[in-house]
């Protein structure tokens, strides 16, 4: 087949519901070279600090709703993104997403190559 479809809730969330939710859609969409994830973070919660040095993939984070702080440990900087803004991250950059706002934030995370 030349295409695949998926819904956010097809896979189980890997983040507890009280923190928001995180749904990896790569497998659902049968993507070979591209990771595609939907992340929702409740106000006052944060994602896991990590880098992608081992996988070598760069990532793009796009904010659909809300405001998110992207803490960049290696750059010793925090970038604040609002709805309709995006950031691209090198694989070696250590990053952590923090929702310090008053409302749930929704993001689309894309990474590749895998």
PDB file of N, CA and C in Angstrom:
ATOM      1  N   UNK A   1       0.840  -1.168   0.000  1.00  0.00           N
ATOM      2  CA  UNK A   1       0.000   0.000   0.000  1.00  0.00           C
ATOM      3  C   UNK A   1       0.893   1.241   0.000  1.00  0.00           C
ATOM      4  N   UNK A   2       0.467   2.289  -0.652  1.00  0.00           N
ATOM      5  CA  UNK A   2       1.248   3.511  -0.794  1.00  0.00           C
ATOM      6  C   UNK A   2       1.081   4.466   0.378  1.00  0.00           C
ATOM      7  N   UNK A   3       0.221   4.152   1.321  1.00  0.00           N
ATOM      8  CA  UNK A   3       0.038   5.039   2.478  1.00  0.00           C
ATOM      9  C   UNK A   3      -0.480   4.241   3.671  1.00  0.00           C
ATOM     10  N   UNK A   4      -0.354   4.838   4.852  1.00  0.00           N
ATOM     11  CA  UNK A   4      -0.882   4.268   6.091  1.00  0.00           C
ATOM     12  C   UNK A   4      -1.506   5.404   6.884  1.00  0.00           C
ATOM     13  N   UNK A   5      -2.515   5.096   7.675  1.00  0.00           N
ATOM     14  CA  UNK A   5      -3.149   6.085   8.530  1.00  0.00           C
ATOM     15  C   UNK A   5      -3.104   5.609   9.980  1.00  0.00           C
ATOM     16  N   UNK A   6      -3.198   6.547  10.902  1.00  0.00           N
ATOM     17  CA  UNK A   6      -3.215   6.216  12.323  1.00  0.00           C
ATOM     18  C   UNK A   6      -3.887   7.346  13.083  1.00  0.00           C
ATOM     19  N   UNK A   7      -4.424   7.004  14.236  1.00  0.00           N
ATOM     20  CA  UNK A   7      -4.971   7.990  15.164  1.00  0.00           C
ATOM     21  C   UNK A   7      -4.042   8.093  16.364  1.00  0.00           C
ATOM     22  N   UNK A   8      -4.020   9.251  16.990  1.00  0.00           N
ATOM     23  CA  UNK A   8      -3.157   9.465  18.154  1.00  0.00           C
ATOM     24  C   UNK A   8      -3.335   8.361  19.191  1.00  0.00           C
ATOM     25  N   UNK A   9      -4.548   7.911  19.372  1.00  0.00           N
ATOM     26  CA  UNK A   9      -4.824   6.948  20.438  1.00  0.00           C
ATOM     27  C   UNK A   9      -4.710   5.488  19.991  1.00  0.00           C
ATOM     28  N   UNK A  10      -4.232   5.227  18.778  1.00  0.00           N
ATOM     29  CA  UNK A  10      -4.024   3.828  18.361  1.00  0.00           C
ATOM     30  C   UNK A  10      -3.004   3.123  19.266  1.00  0.00           C
ATOM     31  N   UNK A  11      -1.824   3.709  19.504  1.00  0.00           N
ATOM     32  CA  UNK A  11      -0.903   3.090  20.469  1.00  0.00           C
ATOM     33  C   UNK A  11      -1.237   3.571  21.874  1.00  0.00           C
ATOM     34  N   UNK A  12      -0.763   2.851  22.875  1.00  0.00           N
ATOM     35  CA  UNK A  12      -0.927   3.293  24.256  1.00  0.00           C
ATOM     36  C   UNK A  12       0.061   4.409  24.557  1.00  0.00           C
ATOM     37  N   UNK A  13      -0.327   5.329  25.406  1.00  0.00           N
ATOM     38  CA  UNK A  13       0.562   6.405  25.825  1.00  0.00           C
ATOM     39  C   UNK A  13       1.686   5.838  26.682  1.00  0.00           C
ATOM     40  N   UNK A  14       2.890   6.410  26.515  1.00  0.00           N
ATOM     41  CA  UNK A  14       4.027   6.002  27.339  1.00  0.00           C
ATOM     42  C   UNK A  14       4.264   6.979  28.492  1.00  0.00           C
ATOM     43  N   UNK A  15       3.379   7.966  28.609  1.00  0.00           N
ATOM     44  CA  UNK A  15       3.441   8.946  29.688  1.00  0.00           C
ATOM     45  C   UNK A  15       2.158   8.813  30.505  1.00  0.00           C
ATOM     46  N   UNK A  16       2.244   8.831  31.828  1.00  0.00           N
ATOM     47  CA  UNK A  16       1.034   8.723  32.657  1.00  0.00           C
ATOM     48  C   UNK A  16       0.012   9.814  32.323  1.00  0.00           C
ATOM     49  N   UNK A  17      -1.255   9.468  32.397  1.00  0.00           N
ATOM     50  CA  UNK A  17      -2.341  10.384  32.039  1.00  0.00           C
ATOM     51  C   UNK A  17      -2.305  11.678  32.854  1.00  0.00           C
ATOM     52  N   UNK A  18      -1.900  11.617  34.121  1.00  0.00           N
ATOM     53  CA  UNK A  18      -1.878  12.830  34.937  1.00  0.00           C
ATOM     54  C   UNK A  18      -0.812  13.825  34.463  1.00  0.00           C
ATOM     55  N   UNK A  19       0.179  13.353  33.708  1.00  0.00           N
ATOM     56  CA  UNK A  19       1.216  14.237  33.161  1.00  0.00           C
ATOM     57  C   UNK A  19       0.852  14.732  31.760  1.00  0.00           C
ATOM     58  N   UNK A  20      -0.099  14.064  31.121  1.00  0.00           N
ATOM     59  CA  UNK A  20      -0.505  14.412  29.752  1.00  0.00           C
ATOM     60  C   UNK A  20      -0.650  13.153  28.928  1.00  0.00           C
ATOM     61  N   UNK A  21       0.319  12.888  28.081  1.00  0.00           N
ATOM     62  CA  UNK A  21       0.323  11.682  27.265  1.00  0.00           C
ATOM     63  C   UNK A  21       1.356  11.800  26.164  1.00  0.00           C
ATOM     64  N   UNK A  22       1.860  10.637  25.704  1.00  0.00           N
ATOM     65  CA  UNK A  22       2.837  10.611  24.620  1.00  0.00           C
ATOM     66  C   UNK A  22       2.572   9.371  23.790  1.00  0.00           C
ATOM     67  N   UNK A  23       2.315   9.607  22.513  1.00  0.00           N
ATOM     68  CA  UNK A  23       1.939   8.525  21.620  1.00  0.00           C
ATOM     69  C   UNK A  23       2.922   8.445  20.461  1.00  0.00           C
ATOM     70  N   UNK A  24       3.663   7.327  20.383  1.00  0.00           N
ATOM     71  CA  UNK A  24       4.605   7.076  19.288  1.00  0.00           C
ATOM     72  C   UNK A  24       3.832   6.469  18.124  1.00  0.00           C
ATOM     73  N   UNK A  25       3.791   7.162  16.997  1.00  0.00           N
ATOM     74  CA  UNK A  25       3.011   6.704  15.848  1.00  0.00           C
ATOM     75  C   UNK A  25       3.856   6.108  14.736  1.00  0.00           C
ATOM     76  N   UNK A  26       5.157   6.036  14.926  1.00  0.00           N
ATOM     77  CA  UNK A  26       6.051   5.494  13.899  1.00  0.00           C
ATOM     78  C   UNK A  26       5.620   4.101  13.466  1.00  0.00           C
ATOM     79  N   UNK A  27       5.446   3.202  14.405  1.00  0.00           N
ATOM     80  CA  UNK A  27       5.067   1.829  14.069  1.00  0.00           C
ATOM     81  C   UNK A  27       3.658   1.757  13.501  1.00  0.00           C
ATOM     82  N   UNK A  28       2.747   2.534  14.069  1.00  0.00           N
ATOM     83  CA  UNK A  28       1.363   2.544  13.570  1.00  0.00           C
ATOM     84  C   UNK A  28       1.306   2.977  12.102  1.00  0.00           C
ATOM     85  N   UNK A  29       2.201   3.892  11.731  1.00  0.00           N
ATOM     86  CA  UNK A  29       2.233   4.393  10.359  1.00  0.00           C
ATOM     87  C   UNK A  29       3.197   3.603   9.466  1.00  0.00           C
ATOM     88  N   UNK A  30       3.868   2.614  10.064  1.00  0.00           N
ATOM     89  CA  UNK A  30       4.848   1.776   9.358  1.00  0.00           C
ATOM     90  C   UNK A  30       5.940   2.620   8.705  1.00  0.00           C
ATOM     91  N   UNK A  31       6.365   3.683   9.411  1.00  0.00           N
ATOM     92  CA  UNK A  31       7.449   4.543   8.924  1.00  0.00           C
ATOM     93  C   UNK A  31       8.784   3.839   9.140  1.00  0.00           C
ATOM     94  N   UNK A  32       9.646   3.912   8.160  1.00  0.00           N
ATOM     95  CA  UNK A  32      10.951   3.263   8.250  1.00  0.00           C
ATOM     96  C   UNK A  32      12.064   4.220   8.647  1.00  0.00           C
ATOM     97  N   UNK A  33      11.993   5.471   8.228  1.00  0.00           N
ATOM     98  CA  UNK A  33      13.087   6.419   8.427  1.00  0.00           C
ATOM     99  C   UNK A  33      12.714   7.633   9.260  1.00  0.00           C
ATOM    100  N   UNK A  34      11.469   7.695   9.712  1.00  0.00           N
ATOM    101  CA  UNK A  34      10.983   8.897  10.362  1.00  0.00           C
ATOM    102  C   UNK A  34      10.180   8.549  11.603  1.00  0.00           C
ATOM    103  N   UNK A  35      10.538   9.179  12.725  1.00  0.00           N
ATOM    104  CA  UNK A  35       9.741   9.035  13.933  1.00  0.00           C
ATOM    105  C   UNK A  35       8.715  10.152  14.001  1.00  0.00           C
ATOM    106  N   UNK A  36       7.500   9.831  14.444  1.00  0.00           N
ATOM    107  CA  UNK A  36       6.424  10.815  14.539  1.00  0.00           C
ATOM    108  C   UNK A  36       5.692  10.568  15.849  1.00  0.00           C
ATOM    109  N   UNK A  37       5.658  11.592  16.709  1.00  0.00           N
ATOM    110  CA  UNK A  37       5.108  11.443  18.054  1.00  0.00           C
ATOM    111  C   UNK A  37       4.235  12.638  18.391  1.00  0.00           C
ATOM    112  N   UNK A  38       3.145  12.376  19.119  1.00  0.00           N
ATOM    113  CA  UNK A  38       2.312  13.438  19.669  1.00  0.00           C
ATOM    114  C   UNK A  38       2.547  13.442  21.180  1.00  0.00           C
ATOM    115  N   UNK A  39       2.855  14.611  21.729  1.00  0.00           N
ATOM    116  CA  UNK A  39       3.125  14.761  23.152  1.00  0.00           C
ATOM    117  C   UNK A  39       2.199  15.814  23.722  1.00  0.00           C
ATOM    118  N   UNK A  40       1.555  15.490  24.831  1.00  0.00           N
ATOM    119  CA  UNK A  40       0.767  16.454  25.587  1.00  0.00           C
ATOM    120  C   UNK A  40       1.340  16.519  26.990  1.00  0.00           C
ATOM    121  N   UNK A  41       1.654  17.730  27.425  1.00  0.00           N
ATOM    122  CA  UNK A  41       2.174  17.936  28.777  1.00  0.00           C
ATOM    123  C   UNK A  41       1.235  18.862  29.539  1.00  0.00           C
ATOM    124  N   UNK A  42       0.778  18.379  30.678  1.00  0.00           N
ATOM    125  CA  UNK A  42      -0.061  19.204  31.542  1.00  0.00           C
ATOM    126  C   UNK A  42       0.778  20.345  32.127  1.00  0.00           C
ATOM    127  N   UNK A  43       0.119  21.412  32.532  1.00  0.00           N
ATOM    128  CA  UNK A  43       0.803  22.536  33.174  1.00  0.00           C
ATOM    129  C   UNK A  43       1.602  22.031  34.371  1.00  0.00           C
ATOM    130  N   UNK A  44       2.834  22.511  34.496  1.00  0.00           N
ATOM    131  CA  UNK A  44       3.679  22.139  35.631  1.00  0.00           C
ATOM    132  C   UNK A  44       4.400  20.810  35.485  1.00  0.00           C
ATOM    133  N   UNK A  45       4.343  20.186  34.309  1.00  0.00           N
ATOM    134  CA  UNK A  45       5.038  18.913  34.119  1.00  0.00           C
ATOM    135  C   UNK A  45       6.190  19.084  33.134  1.00  0.00           C
ATOM    136  N   UNK A  46       7.068  18.081  33.118  1.00  0.00           N
ATOM    137  CA  UNK A  46       8.222  18.134  32.230  1.00  0.00           C
ATOM    138  C   UNK A  46       8.458  16.775  31.589  1.00  0.00           C
ATOM    139  N   UNK A  47       9.090  16.818  30.435  1.00  0.00           N
ATOM    140  CA  UNK A  47       9.474  15.591  29.741  1.00  0.00           C
ATOM    141  C   UNK A  47      10.814  15.085  30.259  1.00  0.00           C
ATOM    142  N   UNK A  48      11.251  13.980  29.697  1.00  0.00           N
ATOM    143  CA  UNK A  48      12.509  13.360  30.099  1.00  0.00           C
ATOM    144  C   UNK A  48      13.689  14.097  29.469  1.00  0.00           C
ATOM    145  N   UNK A  49      14.690  14.415  30.268  1.00  0.00           N
ATOM    146  CA  UNK A  49      15.915  14.993  29.719  1.00  0.00           C
ATOM    147  C   UNK A  49      16.634  13.909  28.924  1.00  0.00           C
ATOM    148  N   UNK A  50      17.049  14.252  27.698  1.00  0.00           N
ATOM    149  CA  UNK A  50      17.730  13.261  26.859  1.00  0.00           C
ATOM    150  C   UNK A  50      18.442  13.936  25.695  1.00  0.00           C
ATOM    151  N   UNK A  51      19.245  13.156  25.007  1.00  0.00           N
ATOM    152  CA  UNK A  51      19.799  13.558  23.724  1.00  0.00           C
ATOM    153  C   UNK A  51      19.600  12.381  22.772  1.00  0.00           C
ATOM    154  N   UNK A  52      19.949  12.579  21.529  1.00  0.00           N
ATOM    155  CA  UNK A  52      19.823  11.524  20.522  1.00  0.00           C
ATOM    156  C   UNK A  52      21.182  11.177  19.928  1.00  0.00           C
ATOM    157  N   UNK A  53      22.256  11.374  20.729  1.00  0.00           N
ATOM    158  CA  UNK A  53      23.612  11.122  20.254  1.00  0.00           C
ATOM    159  C   UNK A  53      23.786   9.677  19.784  1.00  0.00           C
ATOM    160  N   UNK A  54      23.213   8.737  20.515  1.00  0.00           N
ATOM    161  CA  UNK A  54      23.370   7.326  20.153  1.00  0.00           C
ATOM    162  C   UNK A  54      22.637   6.990  18.857  1.00  0.00           C
ATOM    163  N   UNK A  55      21.439   7.525  18.679  1.00  0.00           N
ATOM    164  CA  UNK A  55      20.660   7.223  17.476  1.00  0.00           C
ATOM    165  C   UNK A  55      21.101   8.069  16.283  1.00  0.00           C
ATOM    166  N   UNK A  56      21.675   9.257  16.572  1.00  0.00           N
ATOM    167  CA  UNK A  56      22.110  10.143  15.502  1.00  0.00           C
ATOM    168  C   UNK A  56      20.980  10.902  14.824  1.00  0.00           C
ATOM    169  N   UNK A  57      19.786  10.847  15.387  1.00  0.00           N
ATOM    170  CA  UNK A  57      18.665  11.529  14.722  1.00  0.00           C
ATOM    171  C   UNK A  57      18.509  12.960  15.210  1.00  0.00           C
ATOM    172  N   UNK A  58      18.223  13.849  14.267  1.00  0.00           N
ATOM    173  CA  UNK A  58      17.845  15.197  14.644  1.00  0.00           C
ATOM    174  C   UNK A  58      16.344  15.193  14.878  1.00  0.00           C
ATOM    175  N   UNK A  59      15.886  16.140  15.684  1.00  0.00           N
ATOM    176  CA  UNK A  59      14.461  16.204  15.997  1.00  0.00           C
ATOM    177  C   UNK A  59      13.936  17.607  15.757  1.00  0.00           C
ATOM    178  N   UNK A  60      12.656  17.667  15.393  1.00  0.00           N
ATOM    179  CA  UNK A  60      11.934  18.925  15.277  1.00  0.00           C
ATOM    180  C   UNK A  60      10.726  18.830  16.198  1.00  0.00           C
ATOM    181  N   UNK A  61      10.538  19.853  17.017  1.00  0.00           N
ATOM    182  CA  UNK A  61       9.389  19.944  17.903  1.00  0.00           C
ATOM    183  C   UNK A  61       8.522  21.101  17.417  1.00  0.00           C
ATOM    184  N   UNK A  62       7.247  20.832  17.190  1.00  0.00           N
ATOM    185  CA  UNK A  62       6.295  21.847  16.742  1.00  0.00           C
ATOM    186  C   UNK A  62       5.194  21.955  17.783  1.00  0.00           C
ATOM    187  N   UNK A  63       4.965  23.153  18.297  1.00  0.00           N
ATOM    188  CA  UNK A  63       3.942  23.376  19.317  1.00  0.00           C
ATOM    189  C   UNK A  63       2.607  23.652  18.631  1.00  0.00           C
ATOM    190  N   UNK A  64       1.632  22.794  18.896  1.00  0.00           N
ATOM    191  CA  UNK A  64       0.292  22.945  18.338  1.00  0.00           C
ATOM    192  C   UNK A  64      -0.539  23.875  19.223  1.00  0.00           C
ATOM    193  N   UNK A  65      -0.491  23.637  20.533  1.00  0.00           N
ATOM    194  CA  UNK A  65      -1.224  24.456  21.508  1.00  0.00           C
ATOM    195  C   UNK A  65      -0.366  24.674  22.735  1.00  0.00           C
ATOM    196  N   UNK A  66      -0.534  25.821  23.372  1.00  0.00           N
ATOM    197  CA  UNK A  66       0.159  26.095  24.619  1.00  0.00           C
ATOM    198  C   UNK A  66       1.531  26.705  24.402  1.00  0.00           C
ATOM    199  N   UNK A  67       2.300  26.711  25.475  1.00  0.00           N
ATOM    200  CA  UNK A  67       3.664  27.252  25.484  1.00  0.00           C
ATOM    201  C   UNK A  67       4.566  26.221  26.135  1.00  0.00           C
ATOM    202  N   UNK A  68       5.757  26.052  25.600  1.00  0.00           N
ATOM    203  CA  UNK A  68       6.689  25.053  26.121  1.00  0.00           C
ATOM    204  C   UNK A  68       8.069  25.684  26.234  1.00  0.00           C
ATOM    205  N   UNK A  69       8.797  25.353  27.290  1.00  0.00           N
ATOM    206  CA  UNK A  69      10.202  25.735  27.411  1.00  0.00           C
ATOM    207  C   UNK A  69      11.045  24.539  27.004  1.00  0.00           C
ATOM    208  N   UNK A  70      12.008  24.773  26.137  1.00  0.00           N
ATOM    209  CA  UNK A  70      12.951  23.735  25.736  1.00  0.00           C
ATOM    210  C   UNK A  70      14.269  24.086  26.413  1.00  0.00           C
ATOM    211  N   UNK A  71      14.604  23.334  27.459  1.00  0.00           N
ATOM    212  CA  UNK A  71      15.846  23.572  28.186  1.00  0.00           C
ATOM    213  C   UNK A  71      16.969  22.840  27.473  1.00  0.00           C
ATOM    214  N   UNK A  72      17.968  23.583  27.030  1.00  0.00           N
ATOM    215  CA  UNK A  72      19.094  23.049  26.272  1.00  0.00           C
ATOM    216  C   UNK A  72      20.321  23.062  27.173  1.00  0.00           C
ATOM    217  N   UNK A  73      20.647  21.906  27.747  1.00  0.00           N
ATOM    218  CA  UNK A  73      21.711  21.820  28.747  1.00  0.00           C
ATOM    219  C   UNK A  73      23.073  22.166  28.156  1.00  0.00           C
ATOM    220  N   UNK A  74      23.384  21.655  26.973  1.00  0.00           N
ATOM    221  CA  UNK A  74      24.703  21.874  26.384  1.00  0.00           C
ATOM    222  C   UNK A  74      24.890  23.331  25.972  1.00  0.00           C
ATOM    223  N   UNK A  75      23.841  23.963  25.501  1.00  0.00           N
ATOM    224  CA  UNK A  75      23.908  25.373  25.105  1.00  0.00           C
ATOM    225  C   UNK A  75      23.716  26.295  26.303  1.00  0.00           C
ATOM    226  N   UNK A  76      23.344  25.714  27.454  1.00  0.00           N
ATOM    227  CA  UNK A  76      23.061  26.486  28.664  1.00  0.00           C
ATOM    228  C   UNK A  76      22.056  27.604  28.363  1.00  0.00           C
ATOM    229  N   UNK A  77      20.940  27.187  27.747  1.00  0.00           N
ATOM    230  CA  UNK A  77      19.942  28.144  27.280  1.00  0.00           C
ATOM    231  C   UNK A  77      18.556  27.502  27.357  1.00  0.00           C
ATOM    232  N   UNK A  78      17.544  28.318  27.506  1.00  0.00           N
ATOM    233  CA  UNK A  78      16.156  27.874  27.426  1.00  0.00           C
ATOM    234  C   UNK A  78      15.469  28.642  26.313  1.00  0.00           C
ATOM    235  N   UNK A  79      14.821  27.897  25.417  1.00  0.00           N
ATOM    236  CA  UNK A  79      14.080  28.503  24.314  1.00  0.00           C
ATOM    237  C   UNK A  79      12.598  28.302  24.606  1.00  0.00           C
ATOM    238  N   UNK A  80      11.828  29.375  24.609  1.00  0.00           N
ATOM    239  CA  UNK A  80      10.392  29.297  24.834  1.00  0.00           C
ATOM    240  C   UNK A  80       9.687  29.314  23.492  1.00  0.00           C
ATOM    241  N   UNK A  81       8.832  28.318  23.285  1.00  0.00           N
ATOM    242  CA  UNK A  81       8.057  28.201  22.051  1.00  0.00           C
ATOM    243  C   UNK A  81       6.580  28.336  22.360  1.00  0.00           C
ATOM    244  N   UNK A  82       5.888  29.099  21.538  1.00  0.00           N
ATOM    245  CA  UNK A  82       4.442  29.231  21.645  1.00  0.00           C
ATOM    246  C   UNK A  82       3.791  28.482  20.489  1.00  0.00           C
ATOM    247  N   UNK A  83       2.469  28.426  20.502  1.00  0.00           N
ATOM    248  CA  UNK A  83       1.730  27.728  19.444  1.00  0.00           C
ATOM    249  C   UNK A  83       2.187  28.209  18.069  1.00  0.00           C
ATOM    250  N   UNK A  84       2.333  27.263  17.173  1.00  0.00           N
ATOM    251  CA  UNK A  84       2.736  27.469  15.782  1.00  0.00           C
ATOM    252  C   UNK A  84       4.208  27.794  15.619  1.00  0.00           C
ATOM    253  N   UNK A  85       5.026  27.523  16.648  1.00  0.00           N
ATOM    254  CA  UNK A  85       6.472  27.698  16.545  1.00  0.00           C
ATOM    255  C   UNK A  85       7.154  26.345  16.656  1.00  0.00           C
ATOM    256  N   UNK A  86       8.356  26.254  16.078  1.00  0.00           N
ATOM    257  CA  UNK A  86       9.087  24.985  16.041  1.00  0.00           C
ATOM    258  C   UNK A  86      10.564  25.217  16.345  1.00  0.00           C
ATOM    259  N   UNK A  87      11.230  24.135  16.744  1.00  0.00           N
ATOM    260  CA  UNK A  87      12.674  24.143  16.959  1.00  0.00           C
ATOM    261  C   UNK A  87      13.238  22.851  16.380  1.00  0.00           C
ATOM    262  N   UNK A  88      14.431  22.945  15.758  1.00  0.00           N
ATOM    263  CA  UNK A  88      15.159  21.765  15.295  1.00  0.00           C
ATOM    264  C   UNK A  88      16.365  21.584  16.199  1.00  0.00           C
ATOM    265  N   UNK A  89      16.615  20.340  16.607  1.00  0.00           N
ATOM    266  CA  UNK A  89      17.693  20.059  17.544  1.00  0.00           C
ATOM    267  C   UNK A  89      18.688  19.072  16.951  1.00  0.00           C
ATOM    268  N   UNK A  90      19.982  19.377  17.106  1.00  0.00           N
ATOM    269  CA  UNK A  90      21.029  18.442  16.717  1.00  0.00           C
ATOM    270  C   UNK A  90      20.965  17.215  17.621  1.00  0.00           C
ATOM    271  N   UNK A  91      21.423  16.067  17.136  1.00  0.00           N
ATOM    272  CA  UNK A  91      21.369  14.848  17.951  1.00  0.00           C
ATOM    273  C   UNK A  91      22.098  14.962  19.285  1.00  0.00           C
ATOM    274  N   UNK A  92      23.233  15.674  19.322  1.00  0.00           N
ATOM    275  CA  UNK A  92      24.056  15.731  20.530  1.00  0.00           C
ATOM    276  C   UNK A  92      23.548  16.695  21.595  1.00  0.00           C
ATOM    277  N   UNK A  93      22.593  17.548  21.260  1.00  0.00           N
ATOM    278  CA  UNK A  93      22.106  18.545  22.219  1.00  0.00           C
ATOM    279  C   UNK A  93      21.205  17.890  23.272  1.00  0.00           C
ATOM    280  N   UNK A  94      21.565  18.020  24.531  1.00  0.00           N
ATOM    281  CA  UNK A  94      20.733  17.512  25.625  1.00  0.00           C
ATOM    282  C   UNK A  94      19.573  18.477  25.819  1.00  0.00           C
ATOM    283  N   UNK A  95      18.345  17.901  25.814  1.00  0.00           N
ATOM    284  CA  UNK A  95      17.154  18.735  25.872  1.00  0.00           C
ATOM    285  C   UNK A  95      16.144  18.186  26.868  1.00  0.00           C
ATOM    286  N   UNK A  96      15.305  19.089  27.375  1.00  0.00           N
ATOM    287  CA  UNK A  96      14.193  18.715  28.242  1.00  0.00           C
ATOM    288  C   UNK A  96      13.059  19.696  27.994  1.00  0.00           C
ATOM    289  N   UNK A  97      11.869  19.153  27.823  1.00  0.00           N
ATOM    290  CA  UNK A  97      10.677  19.973  27.623  1.00  0.00           C
ATOM    291  C   UNK A  97      10.017  20.231  28.968  1.00  0.00           C
ATOM    292  N   UNK A  98       9.632  21.481  29.208  1.00  0.00           N
ATOM    293  CA  UNK A  98       8.989  21.861  30.456  1.00  0.00           C
ATOM    294  C   UNK A  98       7.771  22.714  30.125  1.00  0.00           C
ATOM    295  N   UNK A  99       6.624  22.320  30.689  1.00  0.00           N
ATOM    296  CA  UNK A  99       5.427  23.143  30.549  1.00  0.00           C
ATOM    297  C   UNK A  99       5.272  23.947  31.829  1.00  0.00           C
ATOM    298  N   UNK A 100       5.775  25.175  31.812  1.00  0.00           N
ATOM    299  CA  UNK A 100       5.666  26.034  32.991  1.00  0.00           C
ATOM    300  C   UNK A 100       4.475  26.973  32.862  1.00  0.00           C
ATOM    301  N   UNK A 101       3.642  26.746  31.847  1.00  0.00           N
ATOM    302  CA  UNK A 101       2.456  27.565  31.633  1.00  0.00           C
ATOM    303  C   UNK A 101       1.281  27.115  32.485  1.00  0.00           C
ATOM    304  N   UNK A 102       0.125  27.697  32.198  1.00  0.00           N
ATOM    305  CA  UNK A 102      -1.091  27.420  32.956  1.00  0.00           C
ATOM    306  C   UNK A 102      -2.040  26.452  32.258  1.00  0.00           C
ATOM    307  N   UNK A 103      -1.688  26.013  31.043  1.00  0.00           N
ATOM    308  CA  UNK A 103      -2.574  25.120  30.300  1.00  0.00           C
ATOM    309  C   UNK A 103      -1.785  23.975  29.682  1.00  0.00           C
ATOM    310  N   UNK A 104      -2.489  22.941  29.302  1.00  0.00           N
ATOM    311  CA  UNK A 104      -1.878  21.795  28.645  1.00  0.00           C
ATOM    312  C   UNK A 104      -1.221  22.253  27.344  1.00  0.00           C
ATOM    313  N   UNK A 105      -0.050  21.705  27.046  1.00  0.00           N
ATOM    314  CA  UNK A 105       0.634  21.986  25.788  1.00  0.00           C
ATOM    315  C   UNK A 105       0.590  20.724  24.935  1.00  0.00           C
ATOM    316  N   UNK A 106       0.374  20.897  23.643  1.00  0.00           N
ATOM    317  CA  UNK A 106       0.369  19.794  22.687  1.00  0.00           C
ATOM    318  C   UNK A 106       1.448  20.054  21.653  1.00  0.00           C
ATOM    319  N   UNK A 107       2.288  19.034  21.427  1.00  0.00           N
ATOM    320  CA  UNK A 107       3.385  19.148  20.472  1.00  0.00           C
ATOM    321  C   UNK A 107       3.379  17.977  19.517  1.00  0.00           C
ATOM    322  N   UNK A 108       3.938  18.207  18.340  1.00  0.00           N
ATOM    323  CA  UNK A 108       4.249  17.140  17.397  1.00  0.00           C
ATOM    324  C   UNK A 108       5.767  17.065  17.344  1.00  0.00           C
ATOM    325  N   UNK A 109       6.298  15.854  17.564  1.00  0.00           N
ATOM    326  CA  UNK A 109       7.743  15.619  17.556  1.00  0.00           C
ATOM    327  C   UNK A 109       8.078  14.748  16.354  1.00  0.00           C
ATOM    328  N   UNK A 110       9.053  15.188  15.564  1.00  0.00           N
ATOM    329  CA  UNK A 110       9.459  14.444  14.386  1.00  0.00           C
ATOM    330  C   UNK A 110      10.964  14.228  14.471  1.00  0.00           C
ATOM    331  N   UNK A 111      11.421  13.010  14.202  1.00  0.00           N
ATOM    332  CA  UNK A 111      12.840  12.705  14.241  1.00  0.00           C
ATOM    333  C   UNK A 111      13.264  11.804  13.111  1.00  0.00           C
ATOM    334  N   UNK A 112      14.476  12.005  12.629  1.00  0.00           N
ATOM    335  CA  UNK A 112      14.996  11.139  11.581  1.00  0.00           C
ATOM    336  C   UNK A 112      16.455  11.495  11.304  1.00  0.00           C
ATOM    337  N   UNK A 113      17.189  10.702  10.587  1.00  0.00           N
ATOM    338  CA  UNK A 113      16.752   9.375  10.170  1.00  0.00           C
ATOM    339  C   UNK A 113      16.845   8.390  11.327  1.00  0.00           C
ATOM    340  N   UNK A 114      16.088   7.339  11.248  1.00  0.00           N
ATOM    341  CA  UNK A 114      16.112   6.299  12.283  1.00  0.00           C
ATOM    342  C   UNK A 114      16.986   5.164  11.837  1.00  0.00           C
TER     343      UNK A 114
END
